[in-house]
PDB file of all heavy atoms in Angstrom:
ATOM      1  N   HIS A   1      86.125 108.354 133.917  1.00  0.00           N
ATOM      2  CA  HIS A   1      85.647 107.698 132.702  1.00  0.00           C
ATOM      3  C   HIS A   1      85.591 108.701 131.543  1.00  0.00           C
ATOM      4  O   HIS A   1      85.981 108.376 130.421  1.00  0.00           O
ATOM      5  CB  HIS A   1      84.263 107.087 132.905  1.00  0.00           C
ATOM      6  CG  HIS A   1      83.650 106.619 131.638  1.00  0.00           C
ATOM      7  ND1 HIS A   1      84.036 105.445 131.014  1.00  0.00           N
ATOM      8  CD2 HIS A   1      82.715 107.186 130.834  1.00  0.00           C
ATOM      9  CE1 HIS A   1      83.355 105.304 129.890  1.00  0.00           C
ATOM     10  NE2 HIS A   1      82.545 106.342 129.758  1.00  0.00           N
ATOM     11  N   LEU A   2      85.121 109.906 131.803  1.00  0.00           N
ATOM     12  CA  LEU A   2      85.039 110.918 130.754  1.00  0.00           C
ATOM     13  C   LEU A   2      86.422 111.311 130.230  1.00  0.00           C
ATOM     14  O   LEU A   2      86.584 111.557 129.030  1.00  0.00           O
ATOM     15  CB  LEU A   2      84.277 112.142 131.248  1.00  0.00           C
ATOM     16  CG  LEU A   2      82.778 111.915 131.499  1.00  0.00           C
ATOM     17  CD1 LEU A   2      82.158 113.141 132.146  1.00  0.00           C
ATOM     18  CD2 LEU A   2      82.055 111.517 130.231  1.00  0.00           C
ATOM     19  N   GLN A   3      87.424 111.332 131.110  1.00  0.00           N
ATOM     20  CA  GLN A   3      88.797 111.587 130.658  1.00  0.00           C
ATOM     21  C   GLN A   3      89.235 110.488 129.696  1.00  0.00           C
ATOM     22  O   GLN A   3      89.830 110.760 128.650  1.00  0.00           O
ATOM     23  CB  GLN A   3      89.766 111.614 131.847  1.00  0.00           C
ATOM     24  CG  GLN A   3      89.665 112.830 132.707  1.00  0.00           C
ATOM     25  CD  GLN A   3      90.564 112.707 133.932  1.00  0.00           C
ATOM     26  OE1 GLN A   3      90.802 111.611 134.450  1.00  0.00           O
ATOM     27  NE2 GLN A   3      91.060 113.841 134.402  1.00  0.00           N
ATOM     28  N   TYR A   4      88.948 109.252 130.054  1.00  0.00           N
ATOM     29  CA  TYR A   4      89.312 108.108 129.217  1.00  0.00           C
ATOM     30  C   TYR A   4      88.570 108.177 127.873  1.00  0.00           C
ATOM     31  O   TYR A   4      89.156 107.958 126.819  1.00  0.00           O
ATOM     32  CB  TYR A   4      88.981 106.810 129.957  1.00  0.00           C
ATOM     33  CG  TYR A   4      89.318 105.562 129.190  1.00  0.00           C
ATOM     34  CD1 TYR A   4      90.634 105.212 128.937  1.00  0.00           C
ATOM     35  CD2 TYR A   4      88.313 104.709 128.746  1.00  0.00           C
ATOM     36  CE1 TYR A   4      90.953 104.054 128.248  1.00  0.00           C
ATOM     37  CE2 TYR A   4      88.615 103.550 128.056  1.00  0.00           C
ATOM     38  CZ  TYR A   4      89.937 103.227 127.813  1.00  0.00           C
ATOM     39  OH  TYR A   4      90.240 102.075 127.128  1.00  0.00           O
ATOM     40  N   GLU A   5      87.293 108.491 127.932  1.00  0.00           N
ATOM     41  CA  GLU A   5      86.509 108.602 126.704  1.00  0.00           C
ATOM     42  C   GLU A   5      87.095 109.661 125.769  1.00  0.00           C
ATOM     43  O   GLU A   5      87.216 109.449 124.570  1.00  0.00           O
ATOM     44  CB  GLU A   5      85.063 108.938 127.044  1.00  0.00           C
ATOM     45  CG  GLU A   5      84.167 109.064 125.834  1.00  0.00           C
ATOM     46  CD  GLU A   5      82.749 109.376 126.225  1.00  0.00           C
ATOM     47  OE1 GLU A   5      82.012 108.447 126.591  1.00  0.00           O
ATOM     48  OE2 GLU A   5      82.390 110.579 126.170  1.00  0.00           O
ATOM     49  N   ARG A   6      87.460 110.813 126.332  1.00  0.00           N
ATOM     50  CA  ARG A   6      88.068 111.865 125.509  1.00  0.00           C
ATOM     51  C   ARG A   6      89.378 111.403 124.895  1.00  0.00           C
ATOM     52  O   ARG A   6      89.672 111.708 123.738  1.00  0.00           O
ATOM     53  CB  ARG A   6      88.271 113.142 126.336  1.00  0.00           C
ATOM     54  CG  ARG A   6      86.989 113.935 126.519  1.00  0.00           C
ATOM     55  CD  ARG A   6      87.237 115.315 127.099  1.00  0.00           C
ATOM     56  NE  ARG A   6      87.812 115.271 128.445  1.00  0.00           N
ATOM     57  CZ  ARG A   6      87.102 115.162 129.558  1.00  0.00           C
ATOM     58  NH1 ARG A   6      85.795 115.092 129.513  1.00  0.00           N
ATOM     59  NH2 ARG A   6      87.700 115.140 130.726  1.00  0.00           N
ATOM     60  N   TYR A   7      90.168 110.652 125.666  1.00  0.00           N
ATOM     61  CA  TYR A   7      91.418 110.112 125.130  1.00  0.00           C
ATOM     62  C   TYR A   7      91.139 109.201 123.926  1.00  0.00           C
ATOM     63  O   TYR A   7      91.759 109.337 122.872  1.00  0.00           O
ATOM     64  CB  TYR A   7      92.192 109.346 126.206  1.00  0.00           C
ATOM     65  CG  TYR A   7      93.239 108.440 125.623  1.00  0.00           C
ATOM     66  CD1 TYR A   7      94.404 108.966 125.066  1.00  0.00           C
ATOM     67  CD2 TYR A   7      93.054 107.059 125.582  1.00  0.00           C
ATOM     68  CE1 TYR A   7      95.351 108.141 124.490  1.00  0.00           C
ATOM     69  CE2 TYR A   7      93.995 106.236 125.015  1.00  0.00           C
ATOM     70  CZ  TYR A   7      95.140 106.765 124.470  1.00  0.00           C
ATOM     71  OH  TYR A   7      96.073 105.955 123.893  1.00  0.00           O
ATOM     72  N   ILE A   8      90.208 108.278 124.078  1.00  0.00           N
ATOM     73  CA  ILE A   8      89.883 107.346 123.001  1.00  0.00           C
ATOM     74  C   ILE A   8      89.384 108.108 121.768  1.00  0.00           C
ATOM     75  O   ILE A   8      89.863 107.880 120.645  1.00  0.00           O
ATOM     76  CB  ILE A   8      88.818 106.318 123.451  1.00  0.00           C
ATOM     77  CG1 ILE A   8      89.351 105.432 124.582  1.00  0.00           C
ATOM     78  CG2 ILE A   8      88.323 105.481 122.270  1.00  0.00           C
ATOM     79  CD1 ILE A   8      90.486 104.495 124.205  1.00  0.00           C
ATOM     80  N   LEU A   9      88.434 109.010 121.971  1.00  0.00           N
ATOM     81  CA  LEU A   9      87.802 109.699 120.847  1.00  0.00           C
ATOM     82  C   LEU A   9      88.678 110.752 120.191  1.00  0.00           C
ATOM     83  O   LEU A   9      88.623 110.931 118.972  1.00  0.00           O
ATOM     84  CB  LEU A   9      86.499 110.352 121.310  1.00  0.00           C
ATOM     85  CG  LEU A   9      85.395 109.399 121.756  1.00  0.00           C
ATOM     86  CD1 LEU A   9      84.217 110.187 122.308  1.00  0.00           C
ATOM     87  CD2 LEU A   9      84.958 108.489 120.617  1.00  0.00           C
ATOM     88  N   HIS A  10      89.489 111.444 120.974  1.00  0.00           N
ATOM     89  CA  HIS A  10      90.216 112.595 120.439  1.00  0.00           C
ATOM     90  C   HIS A  10      91.707 112.368 120.248  1.00  0.00           C
ATOM     91  O   HIS A  10      92.368 113.209 119.626  1.00  0.00           O
ATOM     92  CB  HIS A  10      89.982 113.817 121.322  1.00  0.00           C
ATOM     93  CG  HIS A  10      88.535 114.181 121.426  1.00  0.00           C
ATOM     94  ND1 HIS A  10      87.799 114.672 120.366  1.00  0.00           N
ATOM     95  CD2 HIS A  10      87.671 114.082 122.457  1.00  0.00           C
ATOM     96  CE1 HIS A  10      86.560 114.869 120.743  1.00  0.00           C
ATOM     97  NE2 HIS A  10      86.444 114.521 122.007  1.00  0.00           N
ATOM     98  N   GLU A  11      92.227 111.263 120.782  1.00  0.00           N
ATOM     99  CA  GLU A  11      93.644 110.967 120.582  1.00  0.00           C
ATOM    100  C   GLU A  11      93.858 109.611 119.909  1.00  0.00           C
ATOM    101  O   GLU A  11      94.517 109.536 118.878  1.00  0.00           O
ATOM    102  CB  GLU A  11      94.402 111.015 121.913  1.00  0.00           C
ATOM    103  CG  GLU A  11      94.453 112.408 122.509  1.00  0.00           C
ATOM    104  CD  GLU A  11      95.285 112.474 123.761  1.00  0.00           C
ATOM    105  OE1 GLU A  11      96.394 111.880 123.782  1.00  0.00           O
ATOM    106  OE2 GLU A  11      94.837 113.103 124.732  1.00  0.00           O
ATOM    107  N   LEU A  12      93.305 108.553 120.496  1.00  0.00           N
ATOM    108  CA  LEU A  12      93.557 107.219 119.952  1.00  0.00           C
ATOM    109  C   LEU A  12      92.905 107.014 118.580  1.00  0.00           C
ATOM    110  O   LEU A  12      93.578 106.584 117.640  1.00  0.00           O
ATOM    111  CB  LEU A  12      93.108 106.128 120.925  1.00  0.00           C
ATOM    112  CG  LEU A  12      93.398 104.701 120.448  1.00  0.00           C
ATOM    113  CD1 LEU A  12      94.899 104.481 120.273  1.00  0.00           C
ATOM    114  CD2 LEU A  12      92.805 103.684 121.395  1.00  0.00           C
ATOM    115  N   LEU A  13      91.614 107.287 118.449  1.00  0.00           N
ATOM    116  CA  LEU A  13      90.962 107.073 117.157  1.00  0.00           C
ATOM    117  C   LEU A  13      91.569 107.924 116.043  1.00  0.00           C
ATOM    118  O   LEU A  13      91.810 107.401 114.951  1.00  0.00           O
ATOM    119  CB  LEU A  13      89.458 107.292 117.263  1.00  0.00           C
ATOM    120  CG  LEU A  13      88.690 106.162 117.952  1.00  0.00           C
ATOM    121  CD1 LEU A  13      87.219 106.533 118.088  1.00  0.00           C
ATOM    122  CD2 LEU A  13      88.852 104.841 117.232  1.00  0.00           C
ATOM    123  N   PRO A  14      91.857 109.204 116.268  1.00  0.00           N
ATOM    124  CA  PRO A  14      92.533 109.959 115.209  1.00  0.00           C
ATOM    125  C   PRO A  14      93.910 109.382 114.855  1.00  0.00           C
ATOM    126  O   PRO A  14      94.295 109.370 113.686  1.00  0.00           O
ATOM    127  CB  PRO A  14      92.661 111.373 115.786  1.00  0.00           C
ATOM    128  CG  PRO A  14      91.523 111.467 116.747  1.00  0.00           C
ATOM    129  CD  PRO A  14      91.411 110.088 117.345  1.00  0.00           C
ATOM    130  N   PHE A  15      94.633 108.886 115.847  1.00  0.00           N
ATOM    131  CA  PHE A  15      95.929 108.255 115.568  1.00  0.00           C
ATOM    132  C   PHE A  15      95.756 107.010 114.713  1.00  0.00           C
ATOM    133  O   PHE A  15      96.482 106.803 113.736  1.00  0.00           O
ATOM    134  CB  PHE A  15      96.640 107.898 116.878  1.00  0.00           C
ATOM    135  CG  PHE A  15      97.890 107.103 116.675  1.00  0.00           C
ATOM    136  CD1 PHE A  15      99.044 107.722 116.195  1.00  0.00           C
ATOM    137  CD2 PHE A  15      97.926 105.748 116.952  1.00  0.00           C
ATOM    138  CE1 PHE A  15     100.200 106.992 115.990  1.00  0.00           C
ATOM    139  CE2 PHE A  15      99.073 105.014 116.762  1.00  0.00           C
ATOM    140  CZ  PHE A  15     100.228 105.630 116.282  1.00  0.00           C
ATOM    141  N   ILE A  16      94.771 106.184 115.049  1.00  0.00           N
ATOM    142  CA  ILE A  16      94.513 104.974 114.262  1.00  0.00           C
ATOM    143  C   ILE A  16      94.131 105.349 112.831  1.00  0.00           C
ATOM    144  O   ILE A  16      94.609 104.736 111.875  1.00  0.00           O
ATOM    145  CB  ILE A  16      93.414 104.117 114.932  1.00  0.00           C
ATOM    146  CG1 ILE A  16      93.943 103.521 116.241  1.00  0.00           C
ATOM    147  CG2 ILE A  16      92.935 103.013 113.989  1.00  0.00           C
ATOM    148  CD1 ILE A  16      92.875 102.852 117.090  1.00  0.00           C
ATOM    149  N   ARG A  17      93.288 106.352 112.678  1.00  0.00           N
ATOM    150  CA  ARG A  17      92.889 106.806 111.335  1.00  0.00           C
ATOM    151  C   ARG A  17      94.091 107.342 110.551  1.00  0.00           C
ATOM    152  O   ARG A  17      94.192 107.156 109.351  1.00  0.00           O
ATOM    153  CB  ARG A  17      91.816 107.889 111.434  1.00  0.00           C
ATOM    154  CG  ARG A  17      90.501 107.370 111.915  1.00  0.00           C
ATOM    155  CD  ARG A  17      89.846 106.568 110.833  1.00  0.00           C
ATOM    156  NE  ARG A  17      88.502 106.196 111.229  1.00  0.00           N
ATOM    157  CZ  ARG A  17      87.906 105.122 110.797  1.00  0.00           C
ATOM    158  NH1 ARG A  17      88.516 104.313 109.958  1.00  0.00           N
ATOM    159  NH2 ARG A  17      86.699 104.825 111.177  1.00  0.00           N
ATOM    160  N   TRP A  18      95.004 108.008 111.234  1.00  0.00           N
ATOM    161  CA  TRP A  18      96.215 108.516 110.584  1.00  0.00           C
ATOM    162  C   TRP A  18      97.115 107.364 110.139  1.00  0.00           C
ATOM    163  O   TRP A  18      97.648 107.378 109.036  1.00  0.00           O
ATOM    164  CB  TRP A  18      96.952 109.443 111.557  1.00  0.00           C
ATOM    165  CG  TRP A  18      98.277 109.896 111.062  1.00  0.00           C
ATOM    166  CD1 TRP A  18      98.520 110.852 110.110  1.00  0.00           C
ATOM    167  CD2 TRP A  18      99.554 109.404 111.466  1.00  0.00           C
ATOM    168  NE1 TRP A  18      99.875 110.986 109.914  1.00  0.00           N
ATOM    169  CE2 TRP A  18     100.537 110.104 110.740  1.00  0.00           C
ATOM    170  CE3 TRP A  18      99.971 108.443 112.396  1.00  0.00           C
ATOM    171  CZ2 TRP A  18     101.897 109.882 110.898  1.00  0.00           C
ATOM    172  CZ3 TRP A  18     101.319 108.218 112.553  1.00  0.00           C
ATOM    173  CH2 TRP A  18     102.259 108.934 111.809  1.00  0.00           C
ATOM    174  N   LYS A  19      97.269 106.356 110.995  1.00  0.00           N
ATOM    175  CA  LYS A  19      98.107 105.200 110.668  1.00  0.00           C
ATOM    176  C   LYS A  19      97.491 104.341 109.573  1.00  0.00           C
ATOM    177  O   LYS A  19      98.207 103.722 108.799  1.00  0.00           O
ATOM    178  CB  LYS A  19      98.324 104.314 111.907  1.00  0.00           C
ATOM    179  CG  LYS A  19      99.189 104.864 112.981  1.00  0.00           C
ATOM    180  CD  LYS A  19     100.651 104.692 112.698  1.00  0.00           C
ATOM    181  CE  LYS A  19     101.071 103.244 112.812  1.00  0.00           C
ATOM    182  NZ  LYS A  19     102.464 103.046 112.497  1.00  0.00           N
ATOM    183  N   ASN A  20      96.182 104.266 109.521  1.00  0.00           N
ATOM    184  CA  ASN A  20      95.464 103.383 108.601  1.00  0.00           C
ATOM    185  C   ASN A  20      94.361 104.178 107.935  1.00  0.00           C
ATOM    186  O   ASN A  20      93.325 104.410 108.525  1.00  0.00           O
ATOM    187  CB  ASN A  20      94.842 102.208 109.366  1.00  0.00           C
ATOM    188  CG  ASN A  20      95.883 101.419 110.089  1.00  0.00           C
ATOM    189  OD1 ASN A  20      96.574 100.645 109.483  1.00  0.00           O
ATOM    190  ND2 ASN A  20      96.020 101.641 111.389  1.00  0.00           N
ATOM    191  N   GLN A  21      94.564 104.533 106.702  1.00  0.00           N
ATOM    192  CA  GLN A  21      93.622 105.413 106.027  1.00  0.00           C
ATOM    193  C   GLN A  21      92.535 104.636 105.287  1.00  0.00           C
ATOM    194  O   GLN A  21      92.109 105.018 104.214  1.00  0.00           O
ATOM    195  CB  GLN A  21      94.403 106.333 105.110  1.00  0.00           C
ATOM    196  CG  GLN A  21      95.585 106.866 105.859  1.00  0.00           C
ATOM    197  CD  GLN A  21      95.957 108.273 105.581  1.00  0.00           C
ATOM    198  OE1 GLN A  21      95.668 108.804 104.539  1.00  0.00           O
ATOM    199  NE2 GLN A  21      96.610 108.870 106.535  1.00  0.00           N
ATOM    200  N   THR A  22      92.102 103.568 105.881  1.00  0.00           N
ATOM    201  CA  THR A  22      91.006 102.778 105.329  1.00  0.00           C
ATOM    202  C   THR A  22      89.690 103.242 105.961  1.00  0.00           C
ATOM    203  O   THR A  22      89.687 103.685 107.107  1.00  0.00           O
ATOM    204  CB  THR A  22      91.227 101.274 105.596  1.00  0.00           C
ATOM    205  OG1 THR A  22      90.118 100.547 105.055  1.00  0.00           O
ATOM    206  CG2 THR A  22      91.335 100.964 107.070  1.00  0.00           C
ATOM    207  N   PRO A  23      88.603 103.164 105.246  1.00  0.00           N
ATOM    208  CA  PRO A  23      87.321 103.559 105.846  1.00  0.00           C
ATOM    209  C   PRO A  23      86.792 102.529 106.840  1.00  0.00           C
ATOM    210  O   PRO A  23      85.841 102.798 107.566  1.00  0.00           O
ATOM    211  CB  PRO A  23      86.392 103.682 104.638  1.00  0.00           C
ATOM    212  CG  PRO A  23      86.989 102.793 103.609  1.00  0.00           C
ATOM    213  CD  PRO A  23      88.481 102.831 103.830  1.00  0.00           C
ATOM    214  N   ARG A  24      87.420 101.353 106.880  1.00  0.00           N
ATOM    215  CA  ARG A  24      86.940 100.290 107.767  1.00  0.00           C
ATOM    216  C   ARG A  24      87.646 100.341 109.111  1.00  0.00           C
ATOM    217  O   ARG A  24      88.845 100.549 109.183  1.00  0.00           O
ATOM    218  CB  ARG A  24      87.154  98.925 107.131  1.00  0.00           C
ATOM    219  CG  ARG A  24      86.347  98.751 105.869  1.00  0.00           C
ATOM    220  CD  ARG A  24      86.651  97.460 105.210  1.00  0.00           C
ATOM    221  NE  ARG A  24      88.038  97.525 104.754  1.00  0.00           N
ATOM    222  CZ  ARG A  24      88.713  96.507 104.274  1.00  0.00           C
ATOM    223  NH1 ARG A  24      88.155  95.334 104.195  1.00  0.00           N
ATOM    224  NH2 ARG A  24      89.946  96.650 103.868  1.00  0.00           N
ATOM    225  N   LEU A  25      86.882 100.113 110.163  1.00  0.00           N
ATOM    226  CA  LEU A  25      87.414 100.039 111.513  1.00  0.00           C
ATOM    227  C   LEU A  25      86.572  99.035 112.278  1.00  0.00           C
ATOM    228  O   LEU A  25      85.340  99.123 112.262  1.00  0.00           O
ATOM    229  CB  LEU A  25      87.346 101.409 112.198  1.00  0.00           C
ATOM    230  CG  LEU A  25      87.737 101.468 113.663  1.00  0.00           C
ATOM    231  CD1 LEU A  25      89.231 101.180 113.822  1.00  0.00           C
ATOM    232  CD2 LEU A  25      87.400 102.830 114.246  1.00  0.00           C
ATOM    233  N   SER A  26      87.204  98.088 112.908  1.00  0.00           N
ATOM    234  CA  SER A  26      86.496  97.118 113.736  1.00  0.00           C
ATOM    235  C   SER A  26      86.984  97.265 115.161  1.00  0.00           C
ATOM    236  O   SER A  26      88.167  97.515 115.392  1.00  0.00           O
ATOM    237  CB  SER A  26      86.779  95.686 113.262  1.00  0.00           C
ATOM    238  OG  SER A  26      86.268  95.495 111.979  1.00  0.00           O
ATOM    239  N   VAL A  27      86.085  97.110 116.094  1.00  0.00           N
ATOM    240  CA  VAL A  27      86.444  97.182 117.505  1.00  0.00           C
ATOM    241  C   VAL A  27      85.858  95.976 118.223  1.00  0.00           C
ATOM    242  O   VAL A  27      84.828  95.429 117.810  1.00  0.00           O
ATOM    243  CB  VAL A  27      85.950  98.484 118.164  1.00  0.00           C
ATOM    244  CG1 VAL A  27      86.618  99.695 117.540  1.00  0.00           C
ATOM    245  CG2 VAL A  27      84.452  98.605 118.089  1.00  0.00           C
ATOM    246  N   THR A  28      86.513  95.584 119.271  1.00  0.00           N
ATOM    247  CA  THR A  28      86.020  94.471 120.076  1.00  0.00           C
ATOM    248  C   THR A  28      86.560  94.612 121.486  1.00  0.00           C
ATOM    249  O   THR A  28      87.527  95.328 121.727  1.00  0.00           O
ATOM    250  CB  THR A  28      86.439  93.116 119.464  1.00  0.00           C
ATOM    251  OG1 THR A  28      85.794  92.065 120.187  1.00  0.00           O
ATOM    252  CG2 THR A  28      87.948  92.924 119.501  1.00  0.00           C
ATOM    253  N   GLY A  29      85.936  93.963 122.392  1.00  0.00           N
ATOM    254  CA  GLY A  29      86.387  93.968 123.772  1.00  0.00           C
ATOM    255  C   GLY A  29      85.655  92.899 124.547  1.00  0.00           C
ATOM    256  O   GLY A  29      84.652  92.351 124.085  1.00  0.00           O
ATOM    257  N   CYS A  30      86.168  92.609 125.713  1.00  0.00           N
ATOM    258  CA  CYS A  30      85.552  91.610 126.580  1.00  0.00           C
ATOM    259  C   CYS A  30      84.826  92.309 127.722  1.00  0.00           C
ATOM    260  O   CYS A  30      85.312  93.310 128.251  1.00  0.00           O
ATOM    261  CB  CYS A  30      86.617  90.695 127.167  1.00  0.00           C
ATOM    262  SG  CYS A  30      87.514  89.770 125.924  1.00  0.00           S
ATOM    263  N   SER A  31      83.671  91.805 128.073  1.00  0.00           N
ATOM    264  CA  SER A  31      82.927  92.286 129.221  1.00  0.00           C
ATOM    265  C   SER A  31      82.657  93.786 129.102  1.00  0.00           C
ATOM    266  O   SER A  31      82.131  94.249 128.089  1.00  0.00           O
ATOM    267  CB  SER A  31      83.680  91.936 130.506  1.00  0.00           C
ATOM    268  OG  SER A  31      82.900  92.217 131.637  1.00  0.00           O
ATOM    269  N   PHE A  32      83.053  94.553 130.082  1.00  0.00           N
ATOM    270  CA  PHE A  32      82.801  95.989 130.087  1.00  0.00           C
ATOM    271  C   PHE A  32      83.528  96.668 128.923  1.00  0.00           C
ATOM    272  O   PHE A  32      83.038  97.644 128.359  1.00  0.00           O
ATOM    273  CB  PHE A  32      83.260  96.570 131.422  1.00  0.00           C
ATOM    274  CG  PHE A  32      82.549  97.837 131.825  1.00  0.00           C
ATOM    275  CD1 PHE A  32      81.308  98.179 131.311  1.00  0.00           C
ATOM    276  CD2 PHE A  32      83.133  98.691 132.734  1.00  0.00           C
ATOM    277  CE1 PHE A  32      80.669  99.344 131.687  1.00  0.00           C
ATOM    278  CE2 PHE A  32      82.506  99.860 133.127  1.00  0.00           C
ATOM    279  CZ  PHE A  32      81.264 100.181 132.603  1.00  0.00           C
ATOM    280  N   GLY A  33      84.681  96.160 128.547  1.00  0.00           N
ATOM    281  CA  GLY A  33      85.413  96.703 127.404  1.00  0.00           C
ATOM    282  C   GLY A  33      84.632  96.568 126.112  1.00  0.00           C
ATOM    283  O   GLY A  33      84.700  97.431 125.238  1.00  0.00           O
ATOM    284  N   GLY A  34      83.887  95.493 125.971  1.00  0.00           N
ATOM    285  CA  GLY A  34      83.046  95.313 124.796  1.00  0.00           C
ATOM    286  C   GLY A  34      81.943  96.350 124.738  1.00  0.00           C
ATOM    287  O   GLY A  34      81.656  96.925 123.685  1.00  0.00           O
ATOM    288  N   TYR A  35      81.341  96.614 125.873  1.00  0.00           N
ATOM    289  CA  TYR A  35      80.314  97.657 125.939  1.00  0.00           C
ATOM    290  C   TYR A  35      80.917  99.011 125.565  1.00  0.00           C
ATOM    291  O   TYR A  35      80.335  99.766 124.789  1.00  0.00           O
ATOM    292  CB  TYR A  35      79.704  97.724 127.344  1.00  0.00           C
ATOM    293  CG  TYR A  35      78.927  98.988 127.567  1.00  0.00           C
ATOM    294  CD1 TYR A  35      77.654  99.147 127.028  1.00  0.00           C
ATOM    295  CD2 TYR A  35      79.493 100.042 128.279  1.00  0.00           C
ATOM    296  CE1 TYR A  35      76.953 100.326 127.203  1.00  0.00           C
ATOM    297  CE2 TYR A  35      78.798 101.226 128.461  1.00  0.00           C
ATOM    298  CZ  TYR A  35      77.527 101.364 127.925  1.00  0.00           C
ATOM    299  OH  TYR A  35      76.848 102.528 128.092  1.00  0.00           O
ATOM    300  N   GLN A  36      82.084  99.311 126.119  1.00  0.00           N
ATOM    301  CA  GLN A  36      82.710 100.599 125.851  1.00  0.00           C
ATOM    302  C   GLN A  36      83.099 100.747 124.387  1.00  0.00           C
ATOM    303  O   GLN A  36      83.005 101.845 123.827  1.00  0.00           O
ATOM    304  CB  GLN A  36      83.908 100.808 126.769  1.00  0.00           C
ATOM    305  CG  GLN A  36      83.467 101.034 128.203  1.00  0.00           C
ATOM    306  CD  GLN A  36      84.613 101.071 129.180  1.00  0.00           C
ATOM    307  OE1 GLN A  36      85.701 100.584 128.913  1.00  0.00           O
ATOM    308  NE2 GLN A  36      84.362 101.660 130.337  1.00  0.00           N
ATOM    309  N   CYS A  37      83.524  99.674 123.748  1.00  0.00           N
ATOM    310  CA  CYS A  37      83.821  99.737 122.311  1.00  0.00           C
ATOM    311  C   CYS A  37      82.612 100.246 121.541  1.00  0.00           C
ATOM    312  O   CYS A  37      82.713 101.139 120.706  1.00  0.00           O
ATOM    313  CB  CYS A  37      84.202  98.362 121.776  1.00  0.00           C
ATOM    314  SG  CYS A  37      85.843  97.816 122.220  1.00  0.00           S
ATOM    315  N   GLY A  38      81.471  99.676 121.826  1.00  0.00           N
ATOM    316  CA  GLY A  38      80.253 100.106 121.154  1.00  0.00           C
ATOM    317  C   GLY A  38      79.874 101.532 121.501  1.00  0.00           C
ATOM    318  O   GLY A  38      79.509 102.322 120.629  1.00  0.00           O
ATOM    319  N   GLU A  39      79.989 101.877 122.765  1.00  0.00           N
ATOM    320  CA  GLU A  39      79.665 103.235 123.213  1.00  0.00           C
ATOM    321  C   GLU A  39      80.538 104.261 122.502  1.00  0.00           C
ATOM    322  O   GLU A  39      80.049 105.267 121.991  1.00  0.00           O
ATOM    323  CB  GLU A  39      79.872 103.329 124.729  1.00  0.00           C
ATOM    324  CG  GLU A  39      79.731 104.726 125.279  1.00  0.00           C
ATOM    325  CD  GLU A  39      80.239 104.863 126.700  1.00  0.00           C
ATOM    326  OE1 GLU A  39      80.897 103.945 127.234  1.00  0.00           O
ATOM    327  OE2 GLU A  39      80.004 105.937 127.270  1.00  0.00           O
ATOM    328  N   PHE A  40      81.844 104.001 122.441  1.00  0.00           N
ATOM    329  CA  PHE A  40      82.760 104.953 121.843  1.00  0.00           C
ATOM    330  C   PHE A  40      82.546 105.055 120.331  1.00  0.00           C
ATOM    331  O   PHE A  40      82.663 106.134 119.760  1.00  0.00           O
ATOM    332  CB  PHE A  40      84.215 104.599 122.146  1.00  0.00           C
ATOM    333  CG  PHE A  40      84.566 104.673 123.625  1.00  0.00           C
ATOM    334  CD1 PHE A  40      85.551 103.864 124.141  1.00  0.00           C
ATOM    335  CD2 PHE A  40      83.913 105.547 124.480  1.00  0.00           C
ATOM    336  CE1 PHE A  40      85.893 103.932 125.486  1.00  0.00           C
ATOM    337  CE2 PHE A  40      84.236 105.621 125.828  1.00  0.00           C
ATOM    338  CZ  PHE A  40      85.231 104.805 126.333  1.00  0.00           C
ATOM    339  N   CYS A  41      82.212 103.941 119.703  1.00  0.00           N
ATOM    340  CA  CYS A  41      81.984 103.979 118.247  1.00  0.00           C
ATOM    341  C   CYS A  41      80.733 104.774 117.924  1.00  0.00           C
ATOM    342  O   CYS A  41      80.716 105.530 116.957  1.00  0.00           O
ATOM    343  CB  CYS A  41      81.881 102.571 117.681  1.00  0.00           C
ATOM    344  SG  CYS A  41      83.477 101.786 117.561  1.00  0.00           S
ATOM    345  N   VAL A  42      79.694 104.623 118.707  1.00  0.00           N
ATOM    346  CA  VAL A  42      78.472 105.407 118.496  1.00  0.00           C
ATOM    347  C   VAL A  42      78.792 106.883 118.701  1.00  0.00           C
ATOM    348  O   VAL A  42      78.387 107.737 117.909  1.00  0.00           O
ATOM    349  CB  VAL A  42      77.336 104.941 119.435  1.00  0.00           C
ATOM    350  CG1 VAL A  42      76.185 105.930 119.439  1.00  0.00           C
ATOM    351  CG2 VAL A  42      76.869 103.550 119.021  1.00  0.00           C
ATOM    352  N   GLU A  43      79.543 107.187 119.743  1.00  0.00           N
ATOM    353  CA  GLU A  43      79.917 108.585 120.022  1.00  0.00           C
ATOM    354  C   GLU A  43      80.751 109.152 118.874  1.00  0.00           C
ATOM    355  O   GLU A  43      80.522 110.274 118.415  1.00  0.00           O
ATOM    356  CB  GLU A  43      80.695 108.657 121.335  1.00  0.00           C
ATOM    357  CG  GLU A  43      81.117 110.051 121.732  1.00  0.00           C
ATOM    358  CD  GLU A  43      79.964 110.920 122.200  1.00  0.00           C
ATOM    359  OE1 GLU A  43      78.964 110.374 122.689  1.00  0.00           O
ATOM    360  OE2 GLU A  43      80.080 112.144 122.070  1.00  0.00           O
ATOM    361  N   ALA A  44      81.711 108.374 118.393  1.00  0.00           N
ATOM    362  CA  ALA A  44      82.607 108.847 117.308  1.00  0.00           C
ATOM    363  C   ALA A  44      81.846 109.060 116.012  1.00  0.00           C
ATOM    364  O   ALA A  44      82.174 109.951 115.236  1.00  0.00           O
ATOM    365  CB  ALA A  44      83.736 107.855 117.104  1.00  0.00           C
ATOM    366  N   SER A  45      80.818 108.263 115.770  1.00  0.00           N
ATOM    367  CA  SER A  45      80.075 108.382 114.519  1.00  0.00           C
ATOM    368  C   SER A  45      79.017 109.483 114.571  1.00  0.00           C
ATOM    369  O   SER A  45      78.421 109.822 113.559  1.00  0.00           O
ATOM    370  CB  SER A  45      79.409 107.045 114.178  1.00  0.00           C
ATOM    371  OG  SER A  45      78.348 106.785 115.079  1.00  0.00           O
ATOM    372  N   GLY A  46      78.777 110.007 115.772  1.00  0.00           N
ATOM    373  CA  GLY A  46      77.780 111.079 115.919  1.00  0.00           C
ATOM    374  C   GLY A  46      76.363 110.592 115.931  1.00  0.00           C
ATOM    375  O   GLY A  46      75.434 111.359 115.740  1.00  0.00           O
TER     376      GLY A  46
END
């Protein structure tokens, strides 16, 4: 799980920010994925 979290926070989110230079970002997911969306966003925001 920690490997996946690092991928999301340090590879995927920076890539999304590079592709889309808007300050807005929305995330969503179903079931456990929904929980992880929130977890990762809190982690990314510090």
